[in-house]
Amino acid sequence: MAGEVRLLSGGAAKGLVSQLQDRFSAQTGFAIHGDFGAVGVMRDRLLAGEPCDVVILSQALIDQLARDGHVAPESVTPLGAVKTGVAVKAGQRAPEVGTAAALKSALLAASAIYFPDPQKATAGIHFMKVLKSLGVDEQLAPRLRPYPNGATAMREMAQCSESGLIGCTQVTEINYTTGVQLIGLLPQEYELATVYTAAVCTRATQPTAAANLIRLLASREAAGVRASGGFEAA
């Protein structure tokens, strides 16, 4: 291997990167060392000085990092929009969640509710707002099971032996987790579509390989991988 590209990324892009890392290595000779988590945590790690060649976060955070000189503005590349969905364990009954009333009923009937960090994760922050808007945040508090990111929340839900579980996170994290299934998006009035954007860090030690990785992630040849994982055209 020629070396490695260090990546700090929101959890929504984990599946996409995983699907393409072998292709990237074959094309460039570089491996990918990726860390994935809540976008706020990944931003904080970058700002704390952690080694990083490529960062993938929400567009708003990338725009701020570009303004502050932490990523190269000319490298900023949107990968697509990711919506927030609702999941249950694979094979379990799928309750209706397409309207506010239906979602409220499904949540109230759940034995436990899995979701990402309500302080640092895009979907987790939004989901708590949805619970408050529905007027069920206090009632459901004992059943809430937050995790550092959506991928971890879905993995833990898949491994739990209880019945009646429900989860909410970005569809990419649901689609790439074995043992859970997407049953629908949040109702239209609560819809959240986050544009995930990649950029080369200004202190990258492998800027050329970093730019090549972003080019592959956003390429036409990877369009099918993005779509199957839950990325939509921004």
Protein backbone atom coordinates (compact mmCIF):
# COMPACT_ATOMS: atom_id res chain seq x y z
CA MET A 1 0.00 0.00 0.00
CA ALA A 2 1.17 3.51 -0.80
CA GLY A 3 -0.21 4.82 2.48
CA GLU A 4 -3.56 5.65 4.02
CA VAL A 5 -6.13 8.40 3.85
CA ARG A 6 -7.45 9.41 7.25
CA LEU A 7 -11.17 10.14 7.27
CA LEU A 8 -13.42 11.72 9.90
CA SER A 9 -17.05 11.29 8.89
CA GLY A 10 -20.63 11.45 9.99
CA GLY A 11 -22.07 7.97 10.44
CA ALA A 12 -24.38 8.41 7.46
CA ALA A 13 -21.46 7.88 5.07
CA LYS A 14 -20.03 4.76 6.71
CA GLY A 15 -21.82 2.32 4.42
CA LEU A 16 -20.89 4.29 1.30
CA VAL A 17 -17.21 4.41 2.21
CA SER A 18 -17.19 0.73 3.19
CA GLN A 19 -18.69 -0.27 -0.14
CA LEU A 20 -16.08 1.68 -2.10
CA GLN A 21 -12.91 1.27 -0.05
CA ASP A 22 -11.64 -1.79 -1.96
CA ARG A 23 -12.21 0.00 -5.27
CA PHE A 24 -10.37 3.04 -3.97
CA SER A 25 -7.42 0.96 -2.80
CA ALA A 26 -7.24 -0.85 -6.13
CA GLN A 27 -7.28 2.44 -8.03
CA THR A 28 -4.85 4.41 -5.88
CA GLY A 29 -2.88 2.02 -3.68
CA PHE A 30 -4.09 3.88 -0.58
CA ALA A 31 -6.03 2.36 2.29
CA ILE A 32 -8.76 4.27 4.14
CA HIS A 33 -8.52 4.77 7.89
CA GLY A 34 -12.04 5.93 8.70
CA ASP A 35 -13.69 7.01 11.94
CA PHE A 36 -17.45 7.51 11.87
CA GLY A 37 -19.79 9.08 14.39
CA ALA A 38 -22.07 11.97 15.20
CA VAL A 39 -21.23 14.96 13.01
CA GLY A 40 -20.71 17.25 16.00
CA VAL A 41 -18.24 14.84 17.54
CA MET A 42 -16.33 14.45 14.27
CA ARG A 43 -16.14 18.22 13.85
CA ASP A 44 -14.85 18.61 17.39
CA ARG A 45 -12.17 15.99 16.80
CA LEU A 46 -11.05 17.79 13.66
CA LEU A 47 -10.90 21.13 15.47
CA ALA A 48 -8.96 19.51 18.31
CA GLY A 49 -6.18 18.75 15.85
CA GLU A 50 -6.72 15.08 15.11
CA PRO A 51 -4.95 13.96 11.91
CA CYS A 52 -7.38 14.12 9.01
CA ASP A 53 -7.19 14.15 5.22
CA VAL A 54 -10.91 14.03 4.35
CA VAL A 55 -13.92 15.09 6.39
CA ILE A 56 -17.55 14.24 5.58
CA LEU A 57 -20.16 16.16 7.56
CA SER A 58 -23.41 18.00 7.01
CA GLN A 59 -23.19 20.79 4.45
CA ALA A 60 -23.73 23.45 7.12
CA LEU A 61 -20.75 22.23 9.16
CA ILE A 62 -18.51 21.90 6.10
CA ASP A 63 -19.42 25.42 5.01
CA GLN A 64 -18.42 26.73 8.43
CA LEU A 65 -15.16 24.78 8.37
CA ALA A 66 -14.39 26.24 4.94
CA ARG A 67 -15.07 29.78 6.18
CA ASP A 68 -12.76 29.19 9.14
CA GLY A 69 -9.95 27.76 7.01
CA HIS A 70 -10.08 24.14 8.16
CA VAL A 71 -11.00 22.63 4.78
CA ALA A 72 -10.08 23.68 1.25
CA PRO A 73 -13.09 25.53 -0.26
CA GLU A 74 -12.33 24.31 -3.77
CA SER A 75 -12.54 20.68 -2.58
CA VAL A 76 -16.04 20.93 -1.08
CA THR A 77 -18.22 18.30 -2.79
CA PRO A 78 -21.79 17.31 -1.89
CA LEU A 79 -22.41 13.55 -1.90
CA GLY A 80 -26.20 13.66 -1.64
CA ALA A 81 -29.14 14.19 0.66
CA VAL A 82 -29.98 11.64 3.32
CA LYS A 83 -33.46 11.50 4.84
CA THR A 84 -34.36 10.37 8.33
CA GLY A 85 -36.38 7.20 8.69
CA VAL A 86 -38.01 4.82 11.15
CA ALA A 87 -36.91 1.22 11.63
CA VAL A 88 -37.92 -1.97 13.40
CA LYS A 89 -36.08 -5.26 13.79
CA ALA A 90 -36.08 -7.34 10.63
CA GLY A 91 -39.12 -9.58 10.41
CA GLN A 92 -41.15 -7.73 13.02
CA ARG A 93 -44.48 -6.07 12.38
CA ALA A 94 -44.11 -2.68 10.74
CA PRO A 95 -46.44 -0.09 12.32
CA GLU A 96 -47.75 2.82 10.26
CA VAL A 97 -45.59 5.93 10.69
CA GLY A 98 -46.57 8.05 7.69
CA THR A 99 -48.61 10.63 9.61
CA ALA A 100 -47.99 12.46 12.86
CA ALA A 101 -50.82 10.59 14.57
CA ALA A 102 -49.57 7.23 13.34
CA LEU A 103 -45.99 7.95 14.36
CA LYS A 104 -47.14 9.03 17.81
CA SER A 105 -49.12 5.82 18.25
CA ALA A 106 -46.18 3.69 17.08
CA LEU A 107 -43.80 5.39 19.49
CA LEU A 108 -46.18 5.10 22.42
CA ALA A 109 -46.62 1.39 21.68
CA ALA A 110 -42.87 0.71 21.50
CA SER A 111 -41.10 -1.08 24.35
CA ALA A 112 -37.92 0.90 23.66
CA ILE A 113 -36.81 3.57 21.19
CA TYR A 114 -33.31 3.60 19.68
CA PHE A 115 -31.77 6.74 18.18
CA PRO A 116 -28.46 8.65 17.93
CA ASP A 117 -26.95 11.21 20.29
CA PRO A 118 -29.53 13.97 20.94
CA GLN A 119 -26.75 16.52 21.52
CA LYS A 120 -24.22 15.86 18.71
CA ALA A 121 -25.94 13.79 15.99
CA THR A 122 -28.06 15.46 13.32
CA ALA A 123 -30.82 12.85 13.41
CA GLY A 124 -30.76 12.60 17.21
CA ILE A 125 -31.16 16.34 17.69
CA HIS A 126 -34.02 16.36 15.22
CA PHE A 127 -35.73 13.30 16.70
CA MET A 128 -35.88 14.91 20.13
CA LYS A 129 -37.57 17.93 18.55
CA VAL A 130 -40.10 15.58 16.94
CA LEU A 131 -40.86 13.94 20.29
CA LYS A 132 -41.40 17.32 21.90
CA SER A 133 -43.61 18.46 19.05
CA LEU A 134 -45.69 15.30 19.41
CA GLY A 135 -45.93 15.95 23.15
CA VAL A 136 -44.50 12.57 24.14
CA ASP A 137 -40.92 13.39 25.14
CA GLU A 138 -41.53 13.19 28.89
CA GLN A 139 -43.82 10.18 28.69
CA LEU A 140 -41.32 8.23 26.61
CA ALA A 141 -38.19 9.31 28.49
CA PRO A 142 -37.79 5.98 30.39
CA ARG A 143 -37.90 4.08 27.08
CA LEU A 144 -35.40 6.20 25.16
CA ARG A 145 -32.11 4.51 24.30
CA PRO A 146 -29.68 7.00 22.74
CA TYR A 147 -26.30 5.89 21.35
CA PRO A 148 -23.27 7.85 20.11
CA ASN A 149 -24.43 7.52 16.49
CA GLY A 150 -27.17 6.00 14.40
CA ALA A 151 -25.16 3.01 13.22
CA THR A 152 -24.49 1.97 16.82
CA ALA A 153 -28.14 2.54 17.75
CA MET A 154 -29.32 0.30 14.91
CA ARG A 155 -26.75 -2.39 15.67
CA GLU A 156 -27.79 -2.45 19.33
CA MET A 157 -31.46 -2.61 18.37
CA ALA A 158 -30.76 -5.52 16.01
CA GLN A 159 -28.99 -7.42 18.77
CA CYS A 160 -31.60 -6.79 21.47
CA SER A 161 -33.85 -9.75 22.23
CA GLU A 162 -36.83 -7.64 23.27
CA SER A 163 -39.87 -7.28 21.04
CA GLY A 164 -41.69 -4.09 20.14
CA LEU A 165 -38.56 -2.03 19.49
CA ILE A 166 -38.50 0.97 17.19
CA GLY A 167 -35.67 3.19 16.00
CA CYS A 168 -35.14 6.49 14.25
CA THR A 169 -32.03 7.62 12.41
CA GLN A 170 -30.82 8.42 8.92
CA VAL A 171 -31.85 5.90 6.27
CA THR A 172 -28.24 5.18 5.29
CA GLU A 173 -27.53 3.84 8.78
CA ILE A 174 -30.68 1.72 8.68
CA ASN A 175 -30.05 0.34 5.19
CA TYR A 176 -26.50 -0.75 6.00
CA THR A 177 -27.33 -2.47 9.30
CA THR A 178 -28.12 -6.18 9.21
CA GLY A 179 -31.08 -7.13 11.35
CA VAL A 180 -33.15 -3.95 11.04
CA GLN A 181 -35.48 -2.77 8.32
CA LEU A 182 -36.64 0.64 7.17
CA ILE A 183 -40.41 0.95 7.53
CA GLY A 184 -40.85 4.54 6.41
CA LEU A 185 -39.66 8.11 6.52
CA LEU A 186 -40.69 10.64 9.13
CA PRO A 187 -44.02 12.28 8.28
CA GLN A 188 -43.74 15.16 5.85
CA GLU A 189 -44.12 17.86 8.48
CA TYR A 190 -41.19 16.36 10.38
CA GLU A 191 -39.07 15.43 7.38
CA LEU A 192 -35.33 15.92 7.69
CA ALA A 193 -33.04 15.66 4.67
CA THR A 194 -29.37 16.33 5.42
CA VAL A 195 -26.93 17.04 2.61
CA TYR A 196 -23.66 15.28 3.36
CA THR A 197 -20.60 16.98 1.97
CA ALA A 198 -16.95 15.97 1.70
CA ALA A 199 -13.87 18.19 1.75
CA VAL A 200 -10.09 17.96 1.94
CA CYS A 201 -8.65 19.19 5.23
CA THR A 202 -6.19 22.05 4.90
CA ARG A 203 -3.67 20.15 7.03
CA ALA A 204 -4.03 16.91 5.03
CA THR A 205 -0.82 14.94 4.67
CA GLN A 206 -2.23 13.12 1.64
CA PRO A 207 -4.13 15.87 -0.22
CA THR A 208 -3.98 14.23 -3.65
CA ALA A 209 -5.23 10.86 -2.40
CA ALA A 210 -7.87 12.70 -0.35
CA ALA A 211 -9.14 14.49 -3.45
CA ASN A 212 -9.19 11.18 -5.33
CA LEU A 213 -11.31 9.59 -2.59
CA ILE A 214 -13.84 12.41 -2.74
CA ARG A 215 -13.92 12.16 -6.52
CA LEU A 216 -14.74 8.45 -6.29
CA LEU A 217 -17.42 8.89 -3.62
CA ALA A 218 -19.17 11.52 -5.73
CA SER A 219 -18.57 9.87 -9.11
CA ARG A 220 -21.06 8.64 -11.65
CA GLU A 221 -19.67 5.11 -11.29
CA ALA A 222 -20.61 5.17 -7.60
CA ALA A 223 -24.12 6.54 -8.20
CA GLY A 224 -25.73 3.14 -7.73
CA VAL A 225 -23.94 2.58 -4.45
CA ARG A 226 -25.04 5.98 -3.17
CA ALA A 227 -28.65 5.40 -4.22
CA SER A 228 -28.90 1.89 -2.75
CA GLY A 229 -27.56 3.14 0.55
CA GLY A 230 -30.02 6.01 0.86
CA PHE A 231 -28.25 8.99 -0.71
CA GLU A 232 -30.48 11.07 -2.96
CA ALA A 233 -29.45 13.77 -5.42
CA ALA A 234 -29.05 17.00 -3.47
